[in-house]
């Protein structure tokens, strides 16, 4: 019996070590996103948004919090997680978009293109009565909208990003200038 216990313990230890190594590798293409970021027009100006991306325990997922900056102060916009999907070899994403009741969400995938650009493909789902930004309130059947965000590393503390929405004419800026934004890593201890 004692011999069987040792073999079982060794098997679980080996499995845990192998599992940790695999997680670190699958998240490696997304690691540059982890940190605290101010998001501003690429042409200059004050931040229009902020993002915080943090590792979950043991690098098991990425926690993602986004804020919109209004009158110089970040206002919570969404939060949720990005989680490795071993079948599709990308990240699954589920974010609470309505932080005052949970009646809207964003779901989708995050993946890496051949040139290293990280792409966030999003479907926003709105419950009846929820008013999407710049749209009428959703009716009894709810409403959906599609969005796309890209992230391209431009150095250790700088990421070029574009936030787009799907229109009948293809992908267009979600708001004026959102197709040419820059994320700058916030220094430790700096408040936005």
N, C-alpha and C. Protein backbone atom coordinates (compact mmCIF):
# COMPACT_ATOMS: atom_id res chain seq x y z
N UNK A 1 0.83 -1.21 0.00
CA UNK A 1 0.00 0.00 0.00
C UNK A 1 0.87 1.26 0.00
N UNK A 2 1.94 1.25 0.81
CA UNK A 2 2.82 2.41 0.90
C UNK A 2 3.50 2.69 -0.44
N UNK A 3 3.89 1.64 -1.15
CA UNK A 3 4.51 1.77 -2.47
C UNK A 3 3.53 2.43 -3.46
N UNK A 4 2.27 2.02 -3.43
CA UNK A 4 1.24 2.59 -4.31
C UNK A 4 1.02 4.07 -4.03
N UNK A 5 1.09 4.45 -2.75
CA UNK A 5 0.92 5.87 -2.38
C UNK A 5 2.04 6.71 -2.99
N UNK A 6 3.30 6.21 -2.90
CA UNK A 6 4.44 6.94 -3.45
C UNK A 6 4.30 7.12 -4.96
N UNK A 7 3.91 6.06 -5.65
CA UNK A 7 3.74 6.14 -7.10
C UNK A 7 2.65 7.16 -7.44
N UNK A 8 1.54 7.12 -6.71
CA UNK A 8 0.45 8.08 -6.94
C UNK A 8 0.89 9.51 -6.70
N UNK A 9 1.65 9.73 -5.62
CA UNK A 9 2.13 11.07 -5.30
C UNK A 9 3.10 11.56 -6.38
N UNK A 10 4.00 10.69 -6.83
CA UNK A 10 4.93 11.06 -7.90
C UNK A 10 4.18 11.38 -9.19
N UNK A 11 3.16 10.60 -9.50
CA UNK A 11 2.37 10.82 -10.72
C UNK A 11 1.69 12.19 -10.67
N UNK A 12 1.07 12.52 -9.53
CA UNK A 12 0.41 13.82 -9.41
C UNK A 12 1.41 14.96 -9.47
N UNK A 13 2.60 14.79 -8.86
CA UNK A 13 3.62 15.84 -8.91
C UNK A 13 4.10 16.05 -10.34
N UNK A 14 4.33 14.95 -11.06
CA UNK A 14 4.77 15.06 -12.47
C UNK A 14 3.69 15.72 -13.32
N UNK A 15 2.44 15.34 -13.10
CA UNK A 15 1.33 15.93 -13.85
C UNK A 15 1.22 17.42 -13.57
N UNK A 16 1.37 17.81 -12.31
CA UNK A 16 1.30 19.24 -11.95
C UNK A 16 2.43 20.01 -12.60
N UNK A 17 3.65 19.48 -12.60
CA UNK A 17 4.78 20.16 -13.24
C UNK A 17 4.58 20.29 -14.73
N UNK A 18 4.11 19.23 -15.38
CA UNK A 18 3.86 19.26 -16.82
C UNK A 18 2.75 20.25 -17.14
N UNK A 19 1.70 20.26 -16.33
CA UNK A 19 0.59 21.16 -16.54
C UNK A 19 1.03 22.62 -16.43
N UNK A 20 1.88 22.96 -15.44
CA UNK A 20 2.36 24.33 -15.28
C UNK A 20 3.18 24.77 -16.48
N UNK A 21 4.04 23.89 -16.98
CA UNK A 21 4.86 24.24 -18.14
C UNK A 21 4.00 24.48 -19.37
N UNK A 22 2.98 23.67 -19.56
CA UNK A 22 2.10 23.83 -20.73
C UNK A 22 1.35 25.15 -20.66
N UNK A 23 0.85 25.54 -19.49
CA UNK A 23 0.11 26.80 -19.35
C UNK A 23 1.00 27.99 -19.70
N UNK A 24 2.23 27.98 -19.20
CA UNK A 24 3.13 29.10 -19.46
C UNK A 24 3.36 29.26 -20.96
N UNK A 25 3.50 28.16 -21.67
CA UNK A 25 3.75 28.23 -23.11
C UNK A 25 2.53 28.72 -23.89
N UNK A 26 1.33 28.27 -23.59
CA UNK A 26 0.15 28.66 -24.38
C UNK A 26 -0.20 30.14 -24.19
N UNK A 27 0.13 30.70 -23.06
CA UNK A 27 -0.17 32.11 -22.81
C UNK A 27 0.95 33.06 -23.25
N UNK A 28 2.11 32.50 -23.62
CA UNK A 28 3.28 33.34 -23.97
C UNK A 28 2.97 34.41 -25.01
N UNK A 29 2.22 34.13 -26.10
CA UNK A 29 1.97 35.18 -27.10
C UNK A 29 1.12 36.35 -26.57
N UNK A 30 0.46 36.15 -25.43
CA UNK A 30 -0.42 37.17 -24.86
C UNK A 30 0.23 37.90 -23.69
N UNK A 31 1.40 37.45 -23.24
CA UNK A 31 2.02 37.98 -22.03
C UNK A 31 2.32 39.47 -22.12
N UNK A 32 2.61 39.99 -23.32
CA UNK A 32 2.92 41.42 -23.45
C UNK A 32 1.75 42.31 -23.08
N UNK A 33 0.54 41.76 -23.06
CA UNK A 33 -0.65 42.53 -22.70
C UNK A 33 -0.80 42.73 -21.20
N UNK A 34 -0.19 41.87 -20.40
CA UNK A 34 -0.37 41.91 -18.95
C UNK A 34 0.29 43.17 -18.38
N UNK A 35 -0.49 43.94 -17.64
CA UNK A 35 -0.02 45.17 -17.02
C UNK A 35 -1.14 46.18 -16.90
N UNK A 36 -0.78 47.38 -16.46
CA UNK A 36 -1.71 48.50 -16.33
C UNK A 36 -1.41 49.48 -17.46
N UNK A 37 -2.45 49.88 -18.19
CA UNK A 37 -2.26 50.67 -19.41
C UNK A 37 -3.16 51.89 -19.45
N UNK A 38 -2.61 52.99 -19.94
CA UNK A 38 -3.41 54.16 -20.32
C UNK A 38 -3.55 54.09 -21.83
N UNK A 39 -4.73 54.38 -22.35
CA UNK A 39 -5.01 54.29 -23.78
C UNK A 39 -5.39 55.68 -24.27
N UNK A 40 -4.63 56.16 -25.26
CA UNK A 40 -4.82 57.53 -25.75
C UNK A 40 -4.75 57.53 -27.27
N UNK A 41 -5.19 58.63 -27.91
CA UNK A 41 -5.03 58.73 -29.36
C UNK A 41 -3.56 58.63 -29.74
N UNK A 42 -3.27 57.93 -30.82
CA UNK A 42 -1.89 57.79 -31.28
C UNK A 42 -1.28 59.16 -31.61
N UNK A 43 -2.13 60.09 -32.05
CA UNK A 43 -1.66 61.43 -32.41
C UNK A 43 -1.37 62.30 -31.19
N UNK A 44 -1.68 61.83 -29.99
CA UNK A 44 -1.43 62.58 -28.76
C UNK A 44 -2.72 62.99 -28.07
N UNK A 45 -2.59 63.41 -26.86
CA UNK A 45 -3.75 63.82 -26.08
C UNK A 45 -3.90 62.97 -24.84
N UNK A 46 -4.85 63.34 -23.99
CA UNK A 46 -5.04 62.61 -22.73
C UNK A 46 -5.66 61.23 -22.98
N UNK A 47 -5.52 60.32 -22.00
CA UNK A 47 -6.12 58.99 -22.13
C UNK A 47 -7.64 59.06 -22.31
N UNK A 48 -8.15 58.16 -23.15
CA UNK A 48 -9.59 58.01 -23.35
C UNK A 48 -10.10 56.75 -22.66
N UNK A 49 -9.16 55.89 -22.27
CA UNK A 49 -9.52 54.63 -21.62
C UNK A 49 -8.31 54.13 -20.82
N UNK A 50 -8.56 53.11 -20.02
CA UNK A 50 -7.50 52.44 -19.26
C UNK A 50 -7.81 50.95 -19.28
N UNK A 51 -6.76 50.15 -19.17
CA UNK A 51 -6.93 48.69 -19.14
C UNK A 51 -5.99 48.11 -18.10
N UNK A 52 -6.48 47.10 -17.42
CA UNK A 52 -5.66 46.33 -16.49
C UNK A 52 -5.82 44.87 -16.87
N UNK A 53 -4.70 44.20 -17.13
CA UNK A 53 -4.70 42.78 -17.41
C UNK A 53 -3.79 42.11 -16.40
N UNK A 54 -4.30 41.11 -15.69
CA UNK A 54 -3.58 40.43 -14.62
C UNK A 54 -3.65 38.92 -14.82
N UNK A 55 -2.58 38.24 -14.38
CA UNK A 55 -2.60 36.78 -14.41
C UNK A 55 -3.50 36.25 -13.31
N UNK A 56 -4.24 35.21 -13.61
CA UNK A 56 -4.94 34.45 -12.59
C UNK A 56 -3.93 33.58 -11.86
N UNK A 57 -4.35 32.91 -10.78
CA UNK A 57 -3.43 32.05 -10.04
C UNK A 57 -2.74 31.05 -10.96
N UNK A 58 -1.42 30.95 -10.81
CA UNK A 58 -0.65 29.99 -11.59
C UNK A 58 -0.68 30.24 -13.08
N UNK A 59 -0.94 31.50 -13.49
CA UNK A 59 -1.06 31.85 -14.91
C UNK A 59 -2.11 30.98 -15.60
N UNK A 60 -3.22 30.75 -14.89
CA UNK A 60 -4.28 29.88 -15.40
C UNK A 60 -5.28 30.62 -16.28
N UNK A 61 -5.30 31.95 -16.22
CA UNK A 61 -6.16 32.78 -17.06
C UNK A 61 -5.66 34.21 -16.95
N UNK A 62 -6.24 35.10 -17.76
CA UNK A 62 -5.92 36.52 -17.67
C UNK A 62 -7.20 37.26 -17.28
N UNK A 63 -7.14 38.04 -16.21
CA UNK A 63 -8.25 38.87 -15.78
C UNK A 63 -8.13 40.21 -16.50
N UNK A 64 -9.23 40.69 -17.11
CA UNK A 64 -9.18 41.87 -17.96
C UNK A 64 -10.22 42.88 -17.47
N UNK A 65 -9.77 44.08 -17.12
CA UNK A 65 -10.64 45.15 -16.66
C UNK A 65 -10.44 46.35 -17.59
N UNK A 66 -11.52 46.90 -18.11
CA UNK A 66 -11.45 48.07 -18.97
C UNK A 66 -12.27 49.21 -18.41
N UNK A 67 -11.74 50.41 -18.53
CA UNK A 67 -12.44 51.61 -18.07
C UNK A 67 -12.42 52.64 -19.19
N UNK A 68 -13.45 53.47 -19.22
CA UNK A 68 -13.51 54.62 -20.12
C UNK A 68 -13.18 55.84 -19.28
N UNK A 69 -12.35 56.74 -19.78
CA UNK A 69 -11.98 57.94 -19.02
C UNK A 69 -12.95 59.07 -19.40
N UNK A 70 -13.68 59.55 -18.40
CA UNK A 70 -14.61 60.67 -18.57
C UNK A 70 -14.21 61.77 -17.60
N UNK A 71 -14.04 62.97 -18.10
CA UNK A 71 -13.61 64.10 -17.27
C UNK A 71 -12.34 63.78 -16.48
N UNK A 72 -11.43 63.03 -17.10
CA UNK A 72 -10.15 62.70 -16.48
C UNK A 72 -10.19 61.57 -15.46
N UNK A 73 -11.37 60.96 -15.27
CA UNK A 73 -11.49 59.90 -14.27
C UNK A 73 -11.95 58.60 -14.94
N UNK A 74 -11.28 57.47 -14.64
CA UNK A 74 -11.70 56.19 -15.21
C UNK A 74 -13.06 55.76 -14.67
N UNK A 75 -13.95 55.37 -15.56
CA UNK A 75 -15.26 54.85 -15.20
C UNK A 75 -15.30 53.38 -15.64
N UNK A 76 -15.61 52.46 -14.73
CA UNK A 76 -15.62 51.03 -15.10
C UNK A 76 -16.49 50.78 -16.34
N UNK A 77 -15.95 50.01 -17.27
CA UNK A 77 -16.67 49.68 -18.51
C UNK A 77 -16.95 48.18 -18.60
N UNK A 78 -15.93 47.34 -18.35
CA UNK A 78 -16.15 45.89 -18.36
C UNK A 78 -15.10 45.21 -17.51
N UNK A 79 -15.39 43.95 -17.16
CA UNK A 79 -14.36 43.10 -16.57
C UNK A 79 -14.75 41.65 -16.75
N UNK A 80 -13.73 40.83 -16.83
CA UNK A 80 -13.95 39.41 -17.02
C UNK A 80 -12.65 38.69 -17.29
N UNK A 81 -12.75 37.55 -17.97
CA UNK A 81 -11.56 36.74 -18.11
C UNK A 81 -11.31 36.25 -19.53
N UNK A 82 -10.03 35.98 -19.78
CA UNK A 82 -9.56 35.38 -21.01
C UNK A 82 -8.96 34.04 -20.60
N UNK A 83 -9.45 32.96 -21.17
CA UNK A 83 -9.09 31.62 -20.72
C UNK A 83 -8.70 30.75 -21.90
N UNK A 84 -7.59 30.02 -21.79
CA UNK A 84 -7.08 29.17 -22.86
C UNK A 84 -8.11 28.10 -23.24
N UNK A 85 -8.34 27.97 -24.54
CA UNK A 85 -9.19 26.92 -25.10
C UNK A 85 -8.27 25.96 -25.84
N UNK A 86 -8.00 24.82 -25.24
CA UNK A 86 -7.07 23.85 -25.79
C UNK A 86 -7.55 23.16 -27.04
N UNK A 87 -8.85 23.21 -27.32
CA UNK A 87 -9.39 22.59 -28.54
C UNK A 87 -9.19 23.53 -29.72
N UNK A 88 -9.52 24.80 -29.55
CA UNK A 88 -9.43 25.78 -30.65
C UNK A 88 -8.11 26.53 -30.68
N UNK A 89 -7.26 26.35 -29.66
CA UNK A 89 -5.93 26.97 -29.58
C UNK A 89 -5.99 28.49 -29.62
N UNK A 90 -6.90 29.04 -28.83
CA UNK A 90 -7.02 30.48 -28.67
C UNK A 90 -7.52 30.75 -27.25
N UNK A 91 -7.83 31.99 -26.96
CA UNK A 91 -8.42 32.33 -25.67
C UNK A 91 -9.91 32.54 -25.85
N UNK A 92 -10.71 31.98 -24.95
CA UNK A 92 -12.13 32.31 -24.89
C UNK A 92 -12.25 33.53 -23.98
N UNK A 93 -13.18 34.40 -24.31
CA UNK A 93 -13.34 35.64 -23.56
C UNK A 93 -14.79 35.77 -23.11
N UNK A 94 -14.99 36.11 -21.86
CA UNK A 94 -16.32 36.44 -21.34
C UNK A 94 -16.16 37.62 -20.40
N UNK A 95 -16.81 38.73 -20.76
CA UNK A 95 -16.70 39.96 -19.98
C UNK A 95 -18.09 40.45 -19.59
N UNK A 96 -18.22 40.92 -18.36
CA UNK A 96 -19.44 41.61 -17.93
C UNK A 96 -19.34 43.04 -18.44
N UNK A 97 -20.25 43.42 -19.31
CA UNK A 97 -20.24 44.76 -19.90
C UNK A 97 -21.11 45.71 -19.08
N UNK A 98 -22.11 45.17 -18.42
CA UNK A 98 -23.00 45.96 -17.56
C UNK A 98 -22.59 45.67 -16.13
N UNK A 99 -21.84 46.58 -15.51
CA UNK A 99 -21.37 46.36 -14.15
C UNK A 99 -22.36 46.87 -13.10
N UNK A 100 -23.58 47.17 -13.55
CA UNK A 100 -24.65 47.59 -12.64
C UNK A 100 -25.88 46.72 -12.89
N UNK A 101 -25.72 45.43 -12.79
CA UNK A 101 -26.86 44.54 -12.95
C UNK A 101 -26.59 43.34 -13.83
N UNK A 102 -25.52 43.36 -14.60
CA UNK A 102 -25.13 42.19 -15.37
C UNK A 102 -26.05 41.84 -16.53
N UNK A 103 -26.68 42.83 -17.17
CA UNK A 103 -27.62 42.52 -18.26
C UNK A 103 -27.01 42.70 -19.64
N UNK A 104 -25.69 42.89 -19.70
CA UNK A 104 -25.00 42.96 -20.99
C UNK A 104 -23.64 42.30 -20.82
N UNK A 105 -23.19 41.68 -21.89
CA UNK A 105 -21.91 40.99 -21.84
C UNK A 105 -21.22 41.05 -23.19
N UNK A 106 -19.94 40.78 -23.16
CA UNK A 106 -19.17 40.58 -24.39
C UNK A 106 -18.61 39.17 -24.32
N UNK A 107 -18.75 38.45 -25.42
CA UNK A 107 -18.15 37.13 -25.48
C UNK A 107 -17.47 36.99 -26.83
N UNK A 108 -16.46 36.17 -26.85
CA UNK A 108 -15.75 35.98 -28.10
C UNK A 108 -14.45 35.25 -27.90
N UNK A 109 -13.52 35.52 -28.80
CA UNK A 109 -12.22 34.85 -28.75
C UNK A 109 -11.11 35.87 -28.89
N UNK A 110 -9.94 35.46 -28.44
CA UNK A 110 -8.73 36.24 -28.60
C UNK A 110 -7.71 35.29 -29.22
N UNK A 111 -7.06 35.74 -30.30
CA UNK A 111 -6.12 34.87 -31.00
C UNK A 111 -4.97 35.69 -31.55
N UNK A 112 -3.93 35.00 -32.00
CA UNK A 112 -2.73 35.66 -32.52
C UNK A 112 -2.64 35.41 -34.02
N UNK A 113 -2.49 36.50 -34.79
CA UNK A 113 -2.28 36.37 -36.23
C UNK A 113 -0.81 36.07 -36.51
N UNK A 114 -0.49 35.67 -37.73
CA UNK A 114 0.87 35.28 -38.09
C UNK A 114 1.90 36.36 -37.81
N UNK A 115 1.53 37.63 -37.92
CA UNK A 115 2.49 38.72 -37.70
C UNK A 115 2.64 39.09 -36.21
N UNK A 116 1.97 38.34 -35.32
CA UNK A 116 2.05 38.59 -33.89
C UNK A 116 0.97 39.51 -33.35
N UNK A 117 0.12 40.05 -34.22
CA UNK A 117 -0.98 40.90 -33.76
C UNK A 117 -1.99 40.04 -33.01
N UNK A 118 -2.37 40.49 -31.82
CA UNK A 118 -3.40 39.82 -31.05
C UNK A 118 -4.74 40.46 -31.42
N UNK A 119 -5.74 39.62 -31.69
CA UNK A 119 -7.06 40.09 -32.14
C UNK A 119 -8.11 39.63 -31.14
N UNK A 120 -8.96 40.55 -30.74
CA UNK A 120 -10.10 40.26 -29.86
C UNK A 120 -11.36 40.40 -30.70
N UNK A 121 -12.01 39.27 -31.03
CA UNK A 121 -13.26 39.25 -31.81
C UNK A 121 -14.41 39.15 -30.82
N UNK A 122 -15.33 40.08 -30.88
CA UNK A 122 -16.33 40.25 -29.82
C UNK A 122 -17.74 40.28 -30.36
N UNK A 123 -18.65 39.62 -29.66
CA UNK A 123 -20.07 39.84 -29.85
C UNK A 123 -20.60 40.38 -28.52
N UNK A 124 -21.20 41.55 -28.56
CA UNK A 124 -21.83 42.13 -27.37
C UNK A 124 -23.29 41.71 -27.38
N UNK A 125 -23.79 41.30 -26.23
CA UNK A 125 -25.17 40.86 -26.07
C UNK A 125 -25.86 41.76 -25.05
N UNK A 126 -26.98 42.35 -25.47
CA UNK A 126 -27.70 43.30 -24.63
C UNK A 126 -29.09 42.77 -24.31
N UNK A 127 -29.44 42.74 -23.03
CA UNK A 127 -30.77 42.32 -22.62
C UNK A 127 -31.80 43.41 -22.94
N UNK A 128 -33.05 43.03 -22.96
CA UNK A 128 -34.14 43.99 -23.19
C UNK A 128 -33.99 45.20 -22.27
N UNK A 129 -34.10 46.39 -22.82
CA UNK A 129 -34.04 47.63 -22.05
C UNK A 129 -32.65 48.21 -21.93
N UNK A 130 -31.61 47.43 -22.20
CA UNK A 130 -30.24 47.95 -22.12
C UNK A 130 -29.97 48.77 -23.38
N UNK A 131 -29.39 49.93 -23.20
CA UNK A 131 -29.12 50.82 -24.33
C UNK A 131 -27.64 50.77 -24.69
N UNK A 132 -27.31 50.12 -25.82
CA UNK A 132 -25.91 50.14 -26.28
C UNK A 132 -25.50 51.57 -26.61
N UNK A 133 -24.23 51.86 -26.41
CA UNK A 133 -23.69 53.19 -26.67
C UNK A 133 -24.07 53.67 -28.07
N UNK A 134 -24.77 54.81 -28.16
CA UNK A 134 -25.14 55.41 -29.44
C UNK A 134 -26.27 54.69 -30.17
N UNK A 135 -26.95 53.77 -29.52
CA UNK A 135 -28.03 52.99 -30.14
C UNK A 135 -29.30 53.10 -29.30
N UNK A 136 -30.45 52.73 -29.88
CA UNK A 136 -31.67 52.69 -29.06
C UNK A 136 -31.62 51.51 -28.10
N UNK A 137 -32.46 51.57 -27.07
CA UNK A 137 -32.53 50.47 -26.09
C UNK A 137 -32.96 49.18 -26.79
N UNK A 138 -32.41 48.06 -26.33
CA UNK A 138 -32.75 46.75 -26.90
C UNK A 138 -34.21 46.42 -26.62
N UNK A 139 -34.87 45.82 -27.62
CA UNK A 139 -36.26 45.41 -27.48
C UNK A 139 -36.39 44.06 -26.79
N UNK A 140 -37.59 43.45 -26.83
CA UNK A 140 -37.85 42.20 -26.13
C UNK A 140 -36.91 41.05 -26.52
N UNK A 141 -36.42 41.04 -27.74
CA UNK A 141 -35.53 39.96 -28.18
C UNK A 141 -34.07 40.25 -27.83
N UNK A 142 -33.78 41.40 -27.20
CA UNK A 142 -32.40 41.77 -26.92
C UNK A 142 -31.74 42.30 -28.18
N UNK A 143 -30.44 42.49 -28.13
CA UNK A 143 -29.71 43.01 -29.29
C UNK A 143 -28.28 42.50 -29.23
N UNK A 144 -27.64 42.48 -30.38
CA UNK A 144 -26.23 42.11 -30.46
C UNK A 144 -25.50 43.11 -31.34
N UNK A 145 -24.20 43.18 -31.14
CA UNK A 145 -23.33 43.99 -31.99
C UNK A 145 -21.97 43.30 -32.01
N UNK A 146 -21.25 43.46 -33.12
CA UNK A 146 -19.93 42.83 -33.25
C UNK A 146 -18.84 43.89 -33.24
N UNK A 147 -17.77 43.56 -32.53
CA UNK A 147 -16.62 44.45 -32.40
C UNK A 147 -15.34 43.66 -32.62
N UNK A 148 -14.27 44.39 -32.88
CA UNK A 148 -12.95 43.78 -33.10
C UNK A 148 -11.91 44.74 -32.54
N UNK A 149 -10.98 44.22 -31.76
CA UNK A 149 -9.89 45.04 -31.25
C UNK A 149 -8.58 44.33 -31.58
N UNK A 150 -7.60 45.10 -32.03
CA UNK A 150 -6.28 44.55 -32.34
C UNK A 150 -5.25 45.15 -31.40
N UNK A 151 -4.21 44.36 -31.11
CA UNK A 151 -3.11 44.78 -30.25
C UNK A 151 -1.81 44.39 -30.95
N UNK A 152 -0.94 45.35 -31.19
CA UNK A 152 0.36 45.09 -31.82
C UNK A 152 1.44 45.71 -30.95
N UNK A 153 2.33 44.87 -30.41
CA UNK A 153 3.42 45.37 -29.57
C UNK A 153 4.29 46.33 -30.36
N UNK A 154 4.63 47.46 -29.76
CA UNK A 154 5.51 48.46 -30.38
C UNK A 154 6.61 48.82 -29.40
N UNK A 155 7.03 47.85 -28.60
CA UNK A 155 8.04 48.03 -27.57
C UNK A 155 7.54 47.44 -26.27
N UNK A 156 8.37 47.39 -25.23
CA UNK A 156 7.96 46.75 -23.98
C UNK A 156 6.85 47.50 -23.23
N UNK A 157 6.73 48.78 -23.48
CA UNK A 157 5.76 49.60 -22.73
C UNK A 157 4.78 50.33 -23.64
N UNK A 158 4.61 49.83 -24.87
CA UNK A 158 3.76 50.52 -25.84
C UNK A 158 3.10 49.49 -26.76
N UNK A 159 1.80 49.63 -26.94
CA UNK A 159 1.02 48.74 -27.81
C UNK A 159 0.13 49.60 -28.69
N UNK A 160 0.16 49.34 -30.00
CA UNK A 160 -0.78 50.01 -30.90
C UNK A 160 -2.06 49.19 -30.90
N UNK A 161 -3.19 49.86 -30.77
CA UNK A 161 -4.47 49.16 -30.71
C UNK A 161 -5.51 49.90 -31.54
N UNK A 162 -6.48 49.16 -32.01
CA UNK A 162 -7.61 49.72 -32.76
C UNK A 162 -8.88 49.06 -32.24
N UNK A 163 -9.91 49.86 -31.99
CA UNK A 163 -11.20 49.36 -31.52
C UNK A 163 -12.21 49.64 -32.63
N UNK A 164 -12.73 48.57 -33.22
CA UNK A 164 -13.60 48.69 -34.40
C UNK A 164 -14.95 48.04 -34.15
N UNK A 165 -15.95 48.49 -34.90
CA UNK A 165 -17.27 47.87 -34.85
C UNK A 165 -17.65 47.46 -36.27
N UNK A 166 -18.46 46.42 -36.34
CA UNK A 166 -18.91 45.95 -37.65
C UNK A 166 -20.06 46.82 -38.13
N UNK A 167 -19.98 47.25 -39.38
CA UNK A 167 -21.04 48.05 -39.98
C UNK A 167 -21.39 47.41 -41.33
N UNK A 168 -22.45 47.88 -41.99
CA UNK A 168 -22.77 47.36 -43.32
C UNK A 168 -21.63 47.60 -44.33
N UNK A 169 -20.70 48.50 -43.99
CA UNK A 169 -19.59 48.83 -44.89
C UNK A 169 -18.28 48.20 -44.43
N UNK A 170 -18.34 47.24 -43.50
CA UNK A 170 -17.13 46.59 -42.98
C UNK A 170 -16.79 47.12 -41.60
N UNK A 171 -15.52 46.95 -41.19
CA UNK A 171 -15.08 47.39 -39.88
C UNK A 171 -14.76 48.88 -39.91
N UNK A 172 -15.36 49.63 -38.97
CA UNK A 172 -15.15 51.08 -38.87
C UNK A 172 -14.81 51.42 -37.42
N UNK A 173 -14.26 52.60 -37.20
CA UNK A 173 -13.93 53.04 -35.85
C UNK A 173 -15.18 53.03 -34.97
N UNK A 174 -15.05 52.48 -33.77
CA UNK A 174 -16.17 52.44 -32.82
C UNK A 174 -16.54 53.84 -32.38
N UNK A 175 -15.55 54.69 -32.18
CA UNK A 175 -15.76 56.10 -31.88
C UNK A 175 -14.65 56.86 -32.60
N UNK A 176 -14.81 58.14 -32.83
CA UNK A 176 -13.79 58.89 -33.60
C UNK A 176 -12.38 58.68 -33.03
N UNK A 177 -11.48 58.23 -33.88
CA UNK A 177 -10.10 58.02 -33.48
C UNK A 177 -9.79 56.66 -32.88
N UNK A 178 -10.81 55.82 -32.67
CA UNK A 178 -10.56 54.53 -32.02
C UNK A 178 -9.81 53.54 -32.91
N UNK A 179 -9.65 53.89 -34.16
CA UNK A 179 -8.90 53.02 -35.07
C UNK A 179 -7.40 53.30 -35.01
N UNK A 180 -6.98 54.29 -34.23
CA UNK A 180 -5.55 54.64 -34.11
C UNK A 180 -5.27 55.07 -32.67
N UNK A 181 -5.18 54.07 -31.79
CA UNK A 181 -4.92 54.34 -30.38
C UNK A 181 -3.57 53.73 -29.98
N UNK A 182 -3.02 54.24 -28.89
CA UNK A 182 -1.79 53.67 -28.35
C UNK A 182 -2.00 53.40 -26.85
N UNK A 183 -1.54 52.23 -26.44
CA UNK A 183 -1.56 51.86 -25.03
C UNK A 183 -0.16 52.09 -24.48
N UNK A 184 -0.07 52.85 -23.38
CA UNK A 184 1.22 53.09 -22.74
C UNK A 184 1.18 52.51 -21.34
N UNK A 185 2.19 51.69 -21.04
CA UNK A 185 2.25 51.04 -19.73
C UNK A 185 2.36 52.10 -18.65
N UNK A 186 1.50 52.00 -17.66
CA UNK A 186 1.52 52.91 -16.53
C UNK A 186 2.66 52.49 -15.61
N UNK A 187 3.46 53.43 -15.15
CA UNK A 187 4.55 53.07 -14.24
C UNK A 187 3.97 52.65 -12.91
N UNK A 188 4.69 51.79 -12.22
CA UNK A 188 4.23 51.29 -10.93
C UNK A 188 4.00 52.47 -10.00
N UNK A 189 2.88 52.47 -9.31
CA UNK A 189 2.56 53.52 -8.35
C UNK A 189 1.86 54.71 -8.98
N UNK A 190 1.77 54.77 -10.32
CA UNK A 190 1.09 55.89 -10.98
C UNK A 190 -0.39 55.66 -10.98
N UNK A 191 -1.15 56.66 -10.67
CA UNK A 191 -2.61 56.56 -10.72
C UNK A 191 -3.09 57.20 -12.00
N UNK A 192 -4.19 56.67 -12.53
CA UNK A 192 -4.72 57.28 -13.76
C UNK A 192 -5.77 58.32 -13.43
